[in-house]
Protein backbone atom coordinates (compact mmCIF):
# COMPACT_ATOMS: atom_id res chain seq x y z
CA UNK A 1 36.21 -2.31 -5.99
CA UNK A 2 33.58 0.25 -5.01
CA UNK A 3 30.22 -1.03 -3.82
CA UNK A 4 27.29 -0.31 -6.10
CA UNK A 5 24.13 1.12 -4.57
CA UNK A 6 20.97 0.98 -6.64
CA UNK A 7 17.45 1.88 -5.69
CA UNK A 8 14.75 -0.04 -7.49
CA UNK A 9 12.27 2.13 -9.43
CA UNK A 10 9.36 1.58 -7.03
CA UNK A 11 11.47 2.62 -4.04
CA UNK A 12 12.68 5.67 -5.97
CA UNK A 13 9.13 6.64 -6.91
CA UNK A 14 8.00 6.15 -3.31
CA UNK A 15 10.80 8.32 -1.94
CA UNK A 16 10.14 10.99 -4.56
CA UNK A 17 6.44 10.93 -3.76
CA UNK A 18 7.19 11.35 -0.05
CA UNK A 19 9.63 14.23 -0.70
CA UNK A 20 7.16 16.12 -2.90
CA UNK A 21 4.41 15.41 -0.38
CA UNK A 22 6.44 16.77 2.53
CA UNK A 23 7.16 19.92 0.50
CA UNK A 24 3.51 20.38 -0.44
CA UNK A 25 2.34 19.75 3.12
CA UNK A 26 4.86 21.96 4.90
CA UNK A 27 5.44 24.69 2.30
CA UNK A 28 2.57 24.56 -0.20
CA UNK A 29 3.23 27.99 -1.71
CA UNK A 30 6.91 27.27 -2.30
CA UNK A 31 6.13 23.87 -3.79
CA UNK A 32 3.50 25.43 -6.06
CA UNK A 33 6.03 27.99 -7.30
CA UNK A 34 8.56 25.21 -8.00
CA UNK A 35 5.99 23.69 -10.36
CA UNK A 36 5.33 27.03 -12.04
CA UNK A 37 2.05 27.81 -10.29
CA UNK A 38 1.13 31.21 -8.82
CA UNK A 39 -0.06 30.91 -5.20
CA UNK A 40 -0.50 34.70 -4.94
CA UNK A 41 -3.11 34.58 -7.71
CA UNK A 42 -4.89 31.68 -6.00
CA UNK A 43 -4.76 31.80 -2.19
CA UNK A 44 -6.69 28.51 -1.93
CA UNK A 45 -3.75 26.73 -3.52
CA UNK A 46 -2.21 26.21 -0.07
CA UNK A 47 -5.25 24.25 1.08
CA UNK A 48 -5.21 22.03 -1.98
CA UNK A 49 -1.43 21.69 -1.80
CA UNK A 50 -1.58 20.35 1.75
CA UNK A 51 -4.29 17.87 0.75
CA UNK A 52 -2.13 16.75 -2.17
CA UNK A 53 0.91 16.50 0.11
CA UNK A 54 -0.86 14.26 2.61
CA UNK A 55 -1.99 11.95 -0.20
CA UNK A 56 1.50 11.74 -1.66
CA UNK A 57 3.12 10.99 1.71
CA UNK A 58 0.57 8.29 2.51
CA UNK A 59 0.81 6.56 -0.88
CA UNK A 60 4.60 6.80 -0.94
CA UNK A 61 5.03 5.50 2.61
CA UNK A 62 2.64 2.58 2.30
CA UNK A 63 4.21 1.53 -1.02
CA UNK A 64 7.71 1.88 0.42
CA UNK A 65 7.05 -0.51 3.32
CA UNK A 66 4.90 -3.00 1.40
CA UNK A 67 6.10 -6.29 -0.05
CA UNK A 68 4.90 -8.92 -2.48
CA UNK A 69 1.60 -8.57 -4.33
CA UNK A 70 0.57 -5.60 -2.16
CA UNK A 71 3.60 -3.62 -3.37
CA UNK A 72 2.73 -4.43 -6.96
CA UNK A 73 -0.90 -3.39 -6.43
CA UNK A 74 0.12 -0.14 -4.73
CA UNK A 75 2.45 0.59 -7.63
CA UNK A 76 -0.56 0.19 -9.94
CA UNK A 77 -2.56 2.57 -7.73
CA UNK A 78 0.30 5.09 -7.99
CA UNK A 79 0.23 4.76 -11.78
CA UNK A 80 -3.50 5.49 -11.76
CA UNK A 81 -3.07 8.53 -9.49
CA UNK A 82 -0.21 9.89 -11.57
CA UNK A 83 -2.17 9.16 -14.75
CA UNK A 84 -5.04 11.26 -13.41
CA UNK A 85 -2.56 14.04 -12.63
CA UNK A 86 -1.25 13.82 -16.19
CA UNK A 87 -4.76 14.06 -17.68
CA UNK A 88 -5.54 16.98 -15.39
CA UNK A 89 -2.39 18.76 -16.59
CA UNK A 90 -3.47 18.32 -20.21
CA UNK A 91 -6.97 19.61 -19.41
CA UNK A 92 -5.61 22.67 -17.60
CA UNK A 93 -3.24 23.38 -20.50
CA UNK A 94 -6.14 23.19 -22.95
CA UNK A 95 -8.25 25.51 -20.81
CA UNK A 96 -5.27 27.86 -20.40
CA UNK A 97 -5.69 27.89 -16.62
CA UNK A 98 -1.93 27.50 -16.09
CA UNK A 99 1.05 28.67 -18.11
CA UNK A 100 2.62 26.49 -20.77
CA UNK A 101 5.74 26.20 -18.62
CA UNK A 102 3.76 25.08 -15.56
CA UNK A 103 1.79 22.64 -17.70
CA UNK A 104 4.98 21.19 -19.15
CA UNK A 105 6.46 20.73 -15.67
CA UNK A 106 3.32 19.17 -14.22
CA UNK A 107 2.62 16.94 -17.22
CA UNK A 108 6.31 15.96 -17.39
CA UNK A 109 6.48 15.00 -13.72
CA UNK A 110 3.26 12.99 -13.89
CA UNK A 111 4.24 11.36 -17.19
CA UNK A 112 7.65 10.44 -15.82
CA UNK A 113 6.08 8.85 -12.76
CA UNK A 114 3.59 6.90 -14.89
CA UNK A 115 6.36 5.70 -17.18
CA UNK A 116 8.60 4.67 -14.29
CA UNK A 117 5.77 2.79 -12.61
CA UNK A 118 4.80 0.99 -15.80
CA UNK A 119 8.41 0.01 -16.48
CA UNK A 120 8.83 -1.21 -12.92
CA UNK A 121 5.76 -3.43 -13.20
CA UNK A 122 6.79 -4.68 -16.62
CA UNK A 123 10.20 -5.65 -15.27
CA UNK A 124 8.67 -7.32 -12.23
CA UNK A 125 10.27 -4.81 -9.86
CA UNK A 126 6.93 -3.61 -8.53
CA UNK A 127 6.86 -6.81 -6.54
CA UNK A 128 9.45 -7.23 -3.82
CA UNK A 129 10.11 -10.63 -2.31
CA UNK A 130 7.96 -11.41 0.67
CA UNK A 131 9.78 -11.02 3.95
């Protein structure tokens, strides 16, 4: 019988956050293009991308290594951060500052992260057993 390997949602979100953060920190223009943004039209995007990347790495890493109530609280912080990203995506769509495709990708990613975090907390998976 094959062994089953499952990653809990909070660990998955943390690893995803770290991966996106590393991309944004090390290759901000490429990461921006992946999300449908145009770094050539906004040369300051690299600066903001690296700031975003550092935040994502820090939040992902600290959540990944935390346990117990701290892990649950950091999951809630991640939901708040991703919720703010979702609202920002809706605002930018309404102001037509980014394309509809970019908005859909950014709003979708943020909404997916919010939903995953909420489900993890609702299922009690945002709290790992204390070591």
